[in-house]
PDB file of N, CA and C in Angstrom:
ATOM      1  N   MET A   1     117.304  75.925-102.174  1.00  0.00           N
ATOM      2  CA  MET A   1     117.901  74.500-101.735  1.00  0.00           C
ATOM      3  C   MET A   1     117.559  74.396-100.281  1.00  0.00           C
ATOM      4  N   SER A   2     116.878  73.240 -99.975  1.00  0.00           N
ATOM      5  CA  SER A   2     117.011  73.546 -98.620  1.00  0.00           C
ATOM      6  C   SER A   2     117.920  71.970 -98.184  1.00  0.00           C
ATOM      7  N   GLN A   3     118.524  72.639 -96.780  1.00  0.00           N
ATOM      8  CA  GLN A   3     119.441  71.212 -96.487  1.00  0.00           C
ATOM      9  C   GLN A   3     119.080  70.617 -95.599  1.00  0.00           C
ATOM     10  N   PRO A   4     119.211  69.219 -95.294  1.00  0.00           N
ATOM     11  CA  PRO A   4     119.042  68.526 -94.044  1.00  0.00           C
ATOM     12  C   PRO A   4     119.438  68.996 -92.805  1.00  0.00           C
ATOM     13  N   PRO A   5     118.556  68.721 -91.810  1.00  0.00           N
ATOM     14  CA  PRO A   5     119.116  69.636 -90.813  1.00  0.00           C
ATOM     15  C   PRO A   5     120.167  68.943 -90.019  1.00  0.00           C
ATOM     16  N   ARG A   6     121.038  69.676 -89.229  1.00  0.00           N
ATOM     17  CA  ARG A   6     122.447  69.214 -88.840  1.00  0.00           C
ATOM     18  C   ARG A   6     122.141  69.127 -87.294  1.00  0.00           C
ATOM     19  N   PRO A   7     122.816  68.052 -86.521  1.00  0.00           N
ATOM     20  CA  PRO A   7     122.708  68.419 -85.022  1.00  0.00           C
ATOM     21  C   PRO A   7     123.577  69.868 -84.856  1.00  0.00           C
ATOM     22  N   SER A   8     122.687  70.407 -83.785  1.00  0.00           N
ATOM     23  CA  SER A   8     123.486  71.909 -83.337  1.00  0.00           C
ATOM     24  C   SER A   8     124.829  71.383 -82.271  1.00  0.00           C
ATOM     25  N   GLY A   9     125.890  71.999 -82.627  1.00  0.00           N
ATOM     26  CA  GLY A   9     127.196  71.876 -81.921  1.00  0.00           C
ATOM     27  C   GLY A   9     126.890  72.079 -80.300  1.00  0.00           C
ATOM     28  N   GLY A  10     126.381  72.820 -80.042  1.00  0.00           N
ATOM     29  CA  GLY A  10     125.701  73.204 -78.759  1.00  0.00           C
ATOM     30  C   GLY A  10     125.227  72.427 -77.874  1.00  0.00           C
ATOM     31  N   GLN A  11     124.744  71.362 -78.620  1.00  0.00           N
ATOM     32  CA  GLN A  11     123.797  70.534 -77.323  1.00  0.00           C
ATOM     33  C   GLN A  11     125.021  69.377 -76.784  1.00  0.00           C
ATOM     34  N   SER A  12     124.465  68.423 -75.895  1.00  0.00           N
ATOM     35  CA  SER A  12     125.304  67.665 -75.462  1.00  0.00           C
ATOM     36  C   SER A  12     124.724  66.412 -75.421  1.00  0.00           C
ATOM     37  N   GLN A  13     125.201  65.186 -75.937  1.00  0.00           N
ATOM     38  CA  GLN A  13     124.588  64.453 -76.552  1.00  0.00           C
ATOM     39  C   GLN A  13     124.586  63.251 -74.840  1.00  0.00           C
ATOM     40  N   GLN A  14     123.106  62.647 -74.983  1.00  0.00           N
ATOM     41  CA  GLN A  14     123.357  61.990 -73.582  1.00  0.00           C
ATOM     42  C   GLN A  14     123.385  60.163 -73.950  1.00  0.00           C
ATOM     43  N   THR A  15     124.232  59.662 -73.240  1.00  0.00           N
ATOM     44  CA  THR A  15     124.407  58.142 -73.383  1.00  0.00           C
ATOM     45  C   THR A  15     123.342  57.654 -72.458  1.00  0.00           C
ATOM     46  N   GLN A  16     122.480  56.611 -72.978  1.00  0.00           N
ATOM     47  CA  GLN A  16     121.459  56.114 -71.753  1.00  0.00           C
ATOM     48  C   GLN A  16     121.983  54.705 -72.235  1.00  0.00           C
ATOM     49  N   THR A  17     122.172  54.090 -70.420  1.00  0.00           N
ATOM     50  CA  THR A  17     121.938  52.800 -70.463  1.00  0.00           C
ATOM     51  C   THR A  17     121.050  52.127 -70.022  1.00  0.00           C
ATOM     52  N   GLN A  18     120.463  50.936 -70.600  1.00  0.00           N
ATOM     53  CA  GLN A  18     118.806  50.437 -70.744  1.00  0.00           C
ATOM     54  C   GLN A  18     119.041  49.226 -70.002  1.00  0.00           C
ATOM     55  N   THR A  19     118.952  48.684 -68.968  1.00  0.00           N
ATOM     56  CA  THR A  19     118.997  47.064 -68.462  1.00  0.00           C
ATOM     57  C   THR A  19     117.708  46.640 -68.877  1.00  0.00           C
ATOM     58  N   THR A  20     117.490  45.293 -69.576  1.00  0.00           N
ATOM     59  CA  THR A  20     116.123  44.515 -70.014  1.00  0.00           C
ATOM     60  C   THR A  20     116.545  43.231 -68.865  1.00  0.00           C
ATOM     61  N   LYS A  21     115.261  42.732 -68.528  1.00  0.00           N
ATOM     62  CA  LYS A  21     115.295  41.380 -68.219  1.00  0.00           C
ATOM     63  C   LYS A  21     114.790  40.535 -69.275  1.00  0.00           C
ATOM     64  N   THR A  22     115.429  39.600 -69.332  1.00  0.00           N
ATOM     65  CA  THR A  22     115.398  38.458 -70.345  1.00  0.00           C
ATOM     66  C   THR A  22     114.385  37.530 -69.868  1.00  0.00           C
ATOM     67  N   THR A  23     113.547  37.109 -71.079  1.00  0.00           N
ATOM     68  CA  THR A  23     112.420  35.898 -70.540  1.00  0.00           C
ATOM     69  C   THR A  23     113.192  34.388 -70.083  1.00  0.00           C
ATOM     70  N   SER A  24     114.672  34.613 -70.396  1.00  0.00           N
ATOM     71  CA  SER A  24     115.299  32.869 -70.296  1.00  0.00           C
ATOM     72  C   SER A  24     116.269  33.492 -69.573  1.00  0.00           C
ATOM     73  N   PRO A  25     116.351  33.248 -67.806  1.00  0.00           N
ATOM     74  CA  PRO A  25     117.297  33.232 -66.964  1.00  0.00           C
ATOM     75  C   PRO A  25     118.697  32.799 -67.547  1.00  0.00           C
ATOM     76  N   GLN A  26     119.640  33.787 -67.018  1.00  0.00           N
ATOM     77  CA  GLN A  26     121.378  32.825 -67.396  1.00  0.00           C
ATOM     78  C   GLN A  26     121.765  32.066 -66.211  1.00  0.00           C
ATOM     79  N   GLY A  27     122.158  30.888 -66.565  1.00  0.00           N
ATOM     80  CA  GLY A  27     122.288  29.991 -65.483  1.00  0.00           C
ATOM     81  C   GLY A  27     121.340  28.862 -65.029  1.00  0.00           C
ATOM     82  N   VAL A  28     122.392  28.006 -64.006  1.00  0.00           N
ATOM     83  CA  VAL A  28     121.492  27.133 -63.258  1.00  0.00           C
ATOM     84  C   VAL A  28     120.660  27.823 -62.064  1.00  0.00           C
ATOM     85  N   LYS A  29     121.639  28.798 -61.459  1.00  0.00           N
ATOM     86  CA  LYS A  29     120.869  29.281 -60.358  1.00  0.00           C
ATOM     87  C   LYS A  29     119.717  30.844 -60.944  1.00  0.00           C
ATOM     88  N   GLY A  30     120.063  31.066 -61.986  1.00  0.00           N
ATOM     89  CA  GLY A  30     118.626  31.757 -62.588  1.00  0.00           C
ATOM     90  C   GLY A  30     117.486  31.258 -62.971  1.00  0.00           C
ATOM     91  N   TYR A  31     117.792  30.065 -63.579  1.00  0.00           N
ATOM     92  CA  TYR A  31     116.794  29.111 -63.643  1.00  0.00           C
ATOM     93  C   TYR A  31     115.867  28.565 -62.641  1.00  0.00           C
ATOM     94  N   LEU A  32     116.815  28.128 -61.608  1.00  0.00           N
ATOM     95  CA  LEU A  32     116.202  27.367 -60.658  1.00  0.00           C
ATOM     96  C   LEU A  32     115.122  28.440 -59.663  1.00  0.00           C
ATOM     97  N   ASP A  33     115.823  29.889 -59.556  1.00  0.00           N
ATOM     98  CA  ASP A  33     115.463  31.026 -59.131  1.00  0.00           C
ATOM     99  C   ASP A  33     113.752  31.067 -59.774  1.00  0.00           C
ATOM    100  N   SER A  34     113.767  31.057 -61.078  1.00  0.00           N
ATOM    101  CA  SER A  34     112.870  31.605 -61.906  1.00  0.00           C
ATOM    102  C   SER A  34     111.113  30.839 -61.640  1.00  0.00           C
ATOM    103  N   GLN A  35     112.055  29.083 -61.578  1.00  0.00           N
ATOM    104  CA  GLN A  35     111.327  27.889 -61.566  1.00  0.00           C
ATOM    105  C   GLN A  35     110.594  28.334 -60.182  1.00  0.00           C
ATOM    106  N   MET A  36     111.405  28.300 -58.980  1.00  0.00           N
ATOM    107  CA  MET A  36     110.642  28.382 -57.871  1.00  0.00           C
ATOM    108  C   MET A  36     110.034  29.086 -57.384  1.00  0.00           C
ATOM    109  N   ALA A  37     110.186  30.545 -58.140  1.00  0.00           N
ATOM    110  CA  ALA A  37     109.352  31.582 -57.872  1.00  0.00           C
ATOM    111  C   ALA A  37     107.958  31.329 -58.486  1.00  0.00           C
ATOM    112  N   SER A  38     107.759  30.898 -59.601  1.00  0.00           N
ATOM    113  CA  SER A  38     106.537  30.939 -60.091  1.00  0.00           C
ATOM    114  C   SER A  38     105.591  29.326 -59.687  1.00  0.00           C
ATOM    115  N   SER A  39     106.417  28.814 -58.707  1.00  0.00           N
ATOM    116  CA  SER A  39     105.700  27.548 -58.365  1.00  0.00           C
ATOM    117  C   SER A  39     105.041  28.058 -56.906  1.00  0.00           C
ATOM    118  N   LYS A  40     104.010  27.055 -57.072  1.00  0.00           N
ATOM    119  CA  LYS A  40     102.825  27.436 -55.867  1.00  0.00           C
ATOM    120  C   LYS A  40     103.896  27.514 -54.534  1.00  0.00           C
ATOM    121  N   ASP A  41     104.548  26.372 -54.276  1.00  0.00           N
ATOM    122  CA  ASP A  41     104.934  26.287 -52.894  1.00  0.00           C
ATOM    123  C   ASP A  41     106.358  26.593 -52.803  1.00  0.00           C
ATOM    124  N   LYS A  42     106.958  27.277 -54.275  1.00  0.00           N
ATOM    125  CA  LYS A  42     108.035  27.861 -53.818  1.00  0.00           C
ATOM    126  C   LYS A  42     109.424  26.869 -54.216  1.00  0.00           C
ATOM    127  N   LYS A  43     109.310  25.490 -54.711  1.00  0.00           N
ATOM    128  CA  LYS A  43     109.971  24.275 -54.325  1.00  0.00           C
ATOM    129  C   LYS A  43     110.359  24.225 -56.627  1.00  0.00           C
ATOM    130  N   PHE A  44     111.467  23.594 -56.047  1.00  0.00           N
ATOM    131  CA  PHE A  44     111.381  23.028 -58.383  1.00  0.00           C
ATOM    132  C   PHE A  44     111.046  21.538 -57.997  1.00  0.00           C
ATOM    133  N   HIS A  45     110.345  21.459 -59.115  1.00  0.00           N
ATOM    134  CA  HIS A  45     109.850  20.634 -59.362  1.00  0.00           C
ATOM    135  C   HIS A  45     110.078  19.440 -60.851  1.00  0.00           C
ATOM    136  N   VAL A  46     110.123  17.926 -60.428  1.00  0.00           N
ATOM    137  CA  VAL A  46     111.109  17.207 -61.682  1.00  0.00           C
ATOM    138  C   VAL A  46     109.925  16.071 -61.365  1.00  0.00           C
ATOM    139  N   THR A  47     109.873  15.449 -62.470  1.00  0.00           N
ATOM    140  CA  THR A  47     109.152  14.149 -62.238  1.00  0.00           C
ATOM    141  C   THR A  47     109.919  12.858 -62.666  1.00  0.00           C
ATOM    142  N   LEU A  48     109.832  12.180 -61.683  1.00  0.00           N
ATOM    143  CA  LEU A  48     110.903  10.617 -61.313  1.00  0.00           C
ATOM    144  C   LEU A  48     109.973   9.597 -61.443  1.00  0.00           C
ATOM    145  N   ASN A  49     109.987   8.765 -62.272  1.00  0.00           N
ATOM    146  CA  ASN A  49     109.175   7.316 -62.462  1.00  0.00           C
ATOM    147  C   ASN A  49     107.957   7.619 -62.248  1.00  0.00           C
ATOM    148  N   GLY A  50     107.213   8.823 -62.984  1.00  0.00           N
ATOM    149  CA  GLY A  50     105.794   9.284 -63.282  1.00  0.00           C
ATOM    150  C   GLY A  50     105.268  10.166 -61.674  1.00  0.00           C
ATOM    151  N   LYS A  51     106.285  10.279 -61.033  1.00  0.00           N
ATOM    152  CA  LYS A  51     106.526  10.665 -59.586  1.00  0.00           C
ATOM    153  C   LYS A  51     106.811  12.344 -59.577  1.00  0.00           C
ATOM    154  N   ASP A  52     105.755  13.580 -59.081  1.00  0.00           N
ATOM    155  CA  ASP A  52     106.255  14.488 -59.285  1.00  0.00           C
ATOM    156  C   ASP A  52     107.163  14.717 -57.902  1.00  0.00           C
ATOM    157  N   LEU A  53     108.116  15.111 -57.849  1.00  0.00           N
ATOM    158  CA  LEU A  53     109.108  15.403 -56.639  1.00  0.00           C
ATOM    159  C   LEU A  53     109.304  17.176 -56.828  1.00  0.00           C
ATOM    160  N   ALA A  54     108.763  17.521 -55.266  1.00  0.00           N
ATOM    161  CA  ALA A  54     108.942  19.026 -55.086  1.00  0.00           C
ATOM    162  C   ALA A  54     110.629  19.040 -54.130  1.00  0.00           C
ATOM    163  N   LEU A  55     111.587  19.702 -54.434  1.00  0.00           N
ATOM    164  CA  LEU A  55     112.845  19.622 -54.297  1.00  0.00           C
ATOM    165  C   LEU A  55     113.451  21.185 -53.988  1.00  0.00           C
ATOM    166  N   THR A  56     114.128  21.462 -52.781  1.00  0.00           N
ATOM    167  CA  THR A  56     114.738  22.289 -52.661  1.00  0.00           C
ATOM    168  C   THR A  56     116.133  22.051 -52.947  1.00  0.00           C
ATOM    169  N   PRO A  57     116.717  23.430 -53.356  1.00  0.00           N
ATOM    170  CA  PRO A  57     118.516  23.086 -54.085  1.00  0.00           C
ATOM    171  C   PRO A  57     119.111  23.347 -52.419  1.00  0.00           C
ATOM    172  N   ILE A  58     120.307  22.611 -52.463  1.00  0.00           N
ATOM    173  CA  ILE A  58     121.225  22.359 -51.150  1.00  0.00           C
ATOM    174  C   ILE A  58     122.483  23.079 -51.594  1.00  0.00           C
ATOM    175  N   LYS A  59     122.811  22.564 -52.921  1.00  0.00           N
ATOM    176  CA  LYS A  59     124.510  23.237 -53.424  1.00  0.00           C
ATOM    177  C   LYS A  59     124.565  23.189 -55.008  1.00  0.00           C
ATOM    178  N   ILE A  60     124.643  24.041 -55.435  1.00  0.00           N
ATOM    179  CA  ILE A  60     125.129  23.926 -56.882  1.00  0.00           C
ATOM    180  C   ILE A  60     126.611  23.832 -57.602  1.00  0.00           C
ATOM    181  N   ARG A  61     126.813  22.378 -57.886  1.00  0.00           N
ATOM    182  CA  ARG A  61     127.929  22.201 -58.240  1.00  0.00           C
ATOM    183  C   ARG A  61     129.074  22.821 -59.359  1.00  0.00           C
ATOM    184  N   GLU A  62     130.227  22.404 -59.479  1.00  0.00           N
ATOM    185  CA  GLU A  62     131.137  23.411 -60.509  1.00  0.00           C
ATOM    186  C   GLU A  62     130.557  22.755 -62.057  1.00  0.00           C
ATOM    187  N   GLU A  63     130.657  23.548 -62.835  1.00  0.00           N
ATOM    188  CA  GLU A  63     129.622  23.778 -64.419  1.00  0.00           C
ATOM    189  C   GLU A  63     130.917  22.602 -64.894  1.00  0.00           C
ATOM    190  N   LYS A  64     130.735  21.866 -65.845  1.00  0.00           N
ATOM    191  CA  LYS A  64     131.554  20.901 -66.812  1.00  0.00           C
ATOM    192  C   LYS A  64     130.995  21.187 -68.427  1.00  0.00           C
ATOM    193  N   LYS A  65     132.291  21.091 -68.613  1.00  0.00           N
ATOM    194  CA  LYS A  65     132.036  21.495 -70.103  1.00  0.00           C
ATOM    195  C   LYS A  65     131.971  20.344 -70.844  1.00  0.00           C
ATOM    196  N   LEU A  66     130.744  20.197 -71.684  1.00  0.00           N
ATOM    197  CA  LEU A  66     130.920  19.179 -72.490  1.00  0.00           C
ATOM    198  C   LEU A  66     130.994  19.016 -74.229  1.00  0.00           C
ATOM    199  N   GLY A  67     131.385  20.537 -74.341  1.00  0.00           N
ATOM    200  CA  GLY A  67     131.731  21.019 -75.951  1.00  0.00           C
ATOM    201  C   GLY A  67     130.429  21.161 -76.685  1.00  0.00           C
ATOM    202  N   GLY A  68     131.067  21.863 -77.657  1.00  0.00           N
ATOM    203  CA  GLY A  68     129.865  22.116 -78.877  1.00  0.00           C
ATOM    204  C   GLY A  68     128.945  23.181 -78.287  1.00  0.00           C
ATOM    205  N   GLY A  69     129.659  24.161 -77.137  1.00  0.00           N
ATOM    206  CA  GLY A  69     129.215  25.174 -76.624  1.00  0.00           C
ATOM    207  C   GLY A  69     128.012  24.734 -75.142  1.00  0.00           C
ATOM    208  N   LYS A  70     128.018  23.465 -74.711  1.00  0.00           N
ATOM    209  CA  LYS A  70     127.049  22.693 -73.988  1.00  0.00           C
ATOM    210  C   LYS A  70     128.099  22.722 -72.701  1.00  0.00           C
ATOM    211  N   SER A  71     127.390  22.711 -71.663  1.00  0.00           N
ATOM    212  CA  SER A  71     128.113  22.348 -70.183  1.00  0.00           C
ATOM    213  C   SER A  71     126.670  21.302 -69.455  1.00  0.00           C
ATOM    214  N   SER A  72     127.352  20.766 -68.464  1.00  0.00           N
ATOM    215  CA  SER A  72     126.402  19.819 -67.491  1.00  0.00           C
ATOM    216  C   SER A  72     126.446  20.744 -66.222  1.00  0.00           C
ATOM    217  N   THR A  73     125.904  21.051 -65.054  1.00  0.00           N
ATOM    218  CA  THR A  73     125.792  21.599 -64.053  1.00  0.00           C
ATOM    219  C   THR A  73     125.185  20.669 -62.822  1.00  0.00           C
ATOM    220  N   PRO A  74     125.744  19.693 -62.302  1.00  0.00           N
ATOM    221  CA  PRO A  74     124.972  19.023 -61.283  1.00  0.00           C
ATOM    222  C   PRO A  74     124.245  20.254 -59.880  1.00  0.00           C
ATOM    223  N   VAL A  75     123.139  19.820 -59.286  1.00  0.00           N
ATOM    224  CA  VAL A  75     122.728  20.546 -58.671  1.00  0.00           C
ATOM    225  C   VAL A  75     122.161  19.618 -57.260  1.00  0.00           C
ATOM    226  N   ASP A  76     122.553  19.041 -56.239  1.00  0.00           N
ATOM    227  CA  ASP A  76     122.093  18.866 -55.075  1.00  0.00           C
ATOM    228  C   ASP A  76     120.626  19.277 -54.342  1.00  0.00           C
ATOM    229  N   MET A  77     119.921  18.567 -54.413  1.00  0.00           N
ATOM    230  CA  MET A  77     118.544  18.895 -53.987  1.00  0.00           C
ATOM    231  C   MET A  77     117.923  18.112 -52.724  1.00  0.00           C
ATOM    232  N   LYS A  78     116.906  18.693 -51.695  1.00  0.00           N
ATOM    233  CA  LYS A  78     116.635  18.071 -50.631  1.00  0.00           C
ATOM    234  C   LYS A  78     114.977  17.452 -50.975  1.00  0.00           C
ATOM    235  N   GLY A  79     114.454  16.784 -51.162  1.00  0.00           N
ATOM    236  CA  GLY A  79     113.389  16.292 -51.450  1.00  0.00           C
ATOM    237  C   GLY A  79     112.278  16.589 -50.141  1.00  0.00           C
ATOM    238  N   ALA A  80     111.311  16.354 -50.732  1.00  0.00           N
ATOM    239  CA  ALA A  80     110.221  16.223 -49.262  1.00  0.00           C
ATOM    240  C   ALA A  80     110.398  15.051 -48.630  1.00  0.00           C
ATOM    241  N   ASP A  81     110.378  13.899 -49.279  1.00  0.00           N
ATOM    242  CA  ASP A  81     111.096  12.558 -48.810  1.00  0.00           C
ATOM    243  C   ASP A  81     111.694  12.148 -47.931  1.00  0.00           C
ATOM    244  N   GLY A  82     113.135  13.230 -48.019  1.00  0.00           N
ATOM    245  CA  GLY A  82     113.926  13.269 -47.056  1.00  0.00           C
ATOM    246  C   GLY A  82     115.335  12.571 -47.497  1.00  0.00           C
ATOM    247  N   ARG A  83     115.348  12.265 -49.065  1.00  0.00           N
ATOM    248  CA  ARG A  83     116.277  11.952 -49.905  1.00  0.00           C
ATOM    249  C   ARG A  83     116.985  13.025 -50.473  1.00  0.00           C
ATOM    250  N   THR A  84     118.012  13.101 -50.767  1.00  0.00           N
ATOM    251  CA  THR A  84     118.918  13.613 -51.472  1.00  0.00           C
ATOM    252  C   THR A  84     119.364  13.352 -53.010  1.00  0.00           C
ATOM    253  N   TYR A  85     118.721  13.982 -53.867  1.00  0.00           N
ATOM    254  CA  TYR A  85     118.559  14.159 -55.110  1.00  0.00           C
ATOM    255  C   TYR A  85     119.660  15.027 -55.766  1.00  0.00           C
ATOM    256  N   GLU A  86     120.294  14.279 -56.939  1.00  0.00           N
ATOM    257  CA  GLU A  86     121.322  15.075 -57.727  1.00  0.00           C
ATOM    258  C   GLU A  86     120.842  15.424 -59.254  1.00  0.00           C
ATOM    259  N   ILE A  87     120.340  16.776 -59.603  1.00  0.00           N
ATOM    260  CA  ILE A  87     119.566  16.847 -60.791  1.00  0.00           C
ATOM    261  C   ILE A  87     120.631  17.338 -61.628  1.00  0.00           C
ATOM    262  N   ASP A  88     120.682  16.753 -62.806  1.00  0.00           N
ATOM    263  CA  ASP A  88     121.906  17.200 -63.872  1.00  0.00           C
ATOM    264  C   ASP A  88     121.489  18.277 -64.676  1.00  0.00           C
ATOM    265  N   PHE A  89     121.756  19.191 -64.636  1.00  0.00           N
ATOM    266  CA  PHE A  89     121.217  20.471 -65.821  1.00  0.00           C
ATOM    267  C   PHE A  89     121.999  20.661 -66.761  1.00  0.00           C
ATOM    268  N   VAL A  90     121.167  20.966 -68.067  1.00  0.00           N
ATOM    269  CA  VAL A  90     122.261  20.730 -69.130  1.00  0.00           C
ATOM    270  C   VAL A  90     122.203  22.259 -69.747  1.00  0.00           C
ATOM    271  N   LEU A  91     123.335  23.230 -70.037  1.00  0.00           N
ATOM    272  CA  LEU A  91     122.915  24.312 -70.635  1.00  0.00           C
ATOM    273  C   LEU A  91     123.740  24.566 -72.230  1.00  0.00           C
ATOM    274  N   SER A  92     123.120  25.532 -72.982  1.00  0.00           N
ATOM    275  CA  SER A  92     123.267  25.685 -73.515  1.00  0.00           C
ATOM    276  C   SER A  92     123.519  27.391 -74.312  1.00  0.00           C
ATOM    277  N   GLY A  93     124.731  27.604 -74.076  1.00  0.00           N
ATOM    278  CA  GLY A  93     124.994  28.941 -74.303  1.00  0.00           C
ATOM    279  C   GLY A  93     124.239  29.830 -73.204  1.00  0.00           C
ATOM    280  N   GLY A  94     124.925  29.364 -71.665  1.00  0.00           N
ATOM    281  CA  GLY A  94     124.139  29.614 -70.514  1.00  0.00           C
ATOM    282  C   GLY A  94     122.824  29.665 -70.357  1.00  0.00           C
ATOM    283  N   GLN A  95     121.833  28.992 -71.350  1.00  0.00           N
ATOM    284  CA  GLN A  95     120.316  28.975 -70.857  1.00  0.00           C
ATOM    285  C   GLN A  95     120.506  27.344 -70.613  1.00  0.00           C
ATOM    286  N   VAL A  96     119.479  27.193 -69.441  1.00  0.00           N
ATOM    287  CA  VAL A  96     119.443  25.207 -69.462  1.00  0.00           C
ATOM    288  C   VAL A  96     118.468  25.165 -70.441  1.00  0.00           C
ATOM    289  N   THR A  97     118.783  24.042 -71.008  1.00  0.00           N
ATOM    290  CA  THR A  97     117.939  23.200 -71.848  1.00  0.00           C
ATOM    291  C   THR A  97     117.093  21.676 -71.391  1.00  0.00           C
ATOM    292  N   GLY A  98     117.787  21.222 -70.696  1.00  0.00           N
ATOM    293  CA  GLY A  98     117.181  20.449 -70.083  1.00  0.00           C
ATOM    294  C   GLY A  98     117.524  19.997 -68.498  1.00  0.00           C
ATOM    295  N   ALA A  99     116.921  18.644 -67.915  1.00  0.00           N
ATOM    296  CA  ALA A  99     117.182  18.816 -66.502  1.00  0.00           C
ATOM    297  C   ALA A  99     116.836  17.149 -66.199  1.00  0.00           C
ATOM    298  N   SER A 100     117.935  16.424 -65.641  1.00  0.00           N
ATOM    299  CA  SER A 100     117.535  15.009 -65.190  1.00  0.00           C
ATOM    300  C   SER A 100     118.054  14.470 -63.881  1.00  0.00           C
ATOM    301  N   VAL A 101     117.100  13.491 -63.320  1.00  0.00           N
ATOM    302  CA  VAL A 101     117.643  13.111 -62.375  1.00  0.00           C
ATOM    303  C   VAL A 101     118.917  12.226 -62.490  1.00  0.00           C
ATOM    304  N   GLY A 102     120.187  12.675 -62.223  1.00  0.00           N
ATOM    305  CA  GLY A 102     121.273  12.014 -62.146  1.00  0.00           C
ATOM    306  C   GLY A 102     121.751  10.952 -60.794  1.00  0.00           C
ATOM    307  N   LYS A 103     121.143  11.173 -59.618  1.00  0.00           N
ATOM    308  CA  LYS A 103     121.531  10.524 -58.503  1.00  0.00           C
ATOM    309  C   LYS A 103     120.240  10.573 -57.223  1.00  0.00           C
ATOM    310  N   VAL A 104     119.999   9.279 -56.524  1.00  0.00           N
ATOM    311  CA  VAL A 104     119.256   9.586 -55.427  1.00  0.00           C
ATOM    312  C   VAL A 104     119.853   8.729 -54.491  1.00  0.00           C
ATOM    313  N   ASN A 105     120.059   9.478 -53.402  1.00  0.00           N
ATOM    314  CA  ASN A 105     120.865   9.397 -51.998  1.00  0.00           C
ATOM    315  C   ASN A 105     122.210   8.641 -52.757  1.00  0.00           C
ATOM    316  N   GLY A 106     122.800   9.063 -53.579  1.00  0.00           N
ATOM    317  CA  GLY A 106     124.264   8.639 -54.330  1.00  0.00           C
ATOM    318  C   GLY A 106     124.357   7.719 -54.896  1.00  0.00           C
ATOM    319  N   LYS A 107     123.067   7.394 -55.589  1.00  0.00           N
ATOM    320  CA  LYS A 107     123.297   6.090 -56.350  1.00  0.00           C
ATOM    321  C   LYS A 107     122.454   6.258 -57.581  1.00  0.00           C
ATOM    322  N   ALA A 108     122.445   5.744 -58.538  1.00  0.00           N
ATOM    323  CA  ALA A 108     121.385   6.011 -60.174  1.00  0.00           C
ATOM    324  C   ALA A 108     119.787   5.647 -59.787  1.00  0.00           C
ATOM    325  N   PRO A 109     119.326   6.332 -59.918  1.00  0.00           N
ATOM    326  CA  PRO A 109     117.738   6.756 -60.257  1.00  0.00           C
ATOM    327  C   PRO A 109     117.467   4.922 -60.634  1.00  0.00           C
ATOM    328  N   SER A 110     116.481   4.083 -60.007  1.00  0.00           N
ATOM    329  CA  SER A 110     115.955   2.948 -60.506  1.00  0.00           C
ATOM    330  C   SER A 110     115.018   3.590 -61.494  1.00  0.00           C
ATOM    331  N   SER A 111     114.580   2.801 -62.529  1.00  0.00           N
ATOM    332  CA  SER A 111     113.426   3.473 -63.479  1.00  0.00           C
ATOM    333  C   SER A 111     112.515   1.917 -63.266  1.00  0.00           C
TER     334      SER A 111
END
């Protein structure tokens, strides 16, 4: 009768830690870094009133809990047109699921 092989007691077991990169970056900063890195002009692009805006982040503000595992993080960004845009990023489980223009120069955007 043969017995299944047993691990020998003389060998030490090695614990290996592996770090993997996910395709979806965590949080707003990771999302912005990823989007800007893949953009030709290294800016974050959003569409407002049918126009493409190339934006540079200025300040990431405090995250607000929305409930249901969702949160919103506003980010102040500077446009090539000299205006300041507040972009509201919605996150679910730490992943950005949407972005919208909240304010332009401190006021609600005109549609």
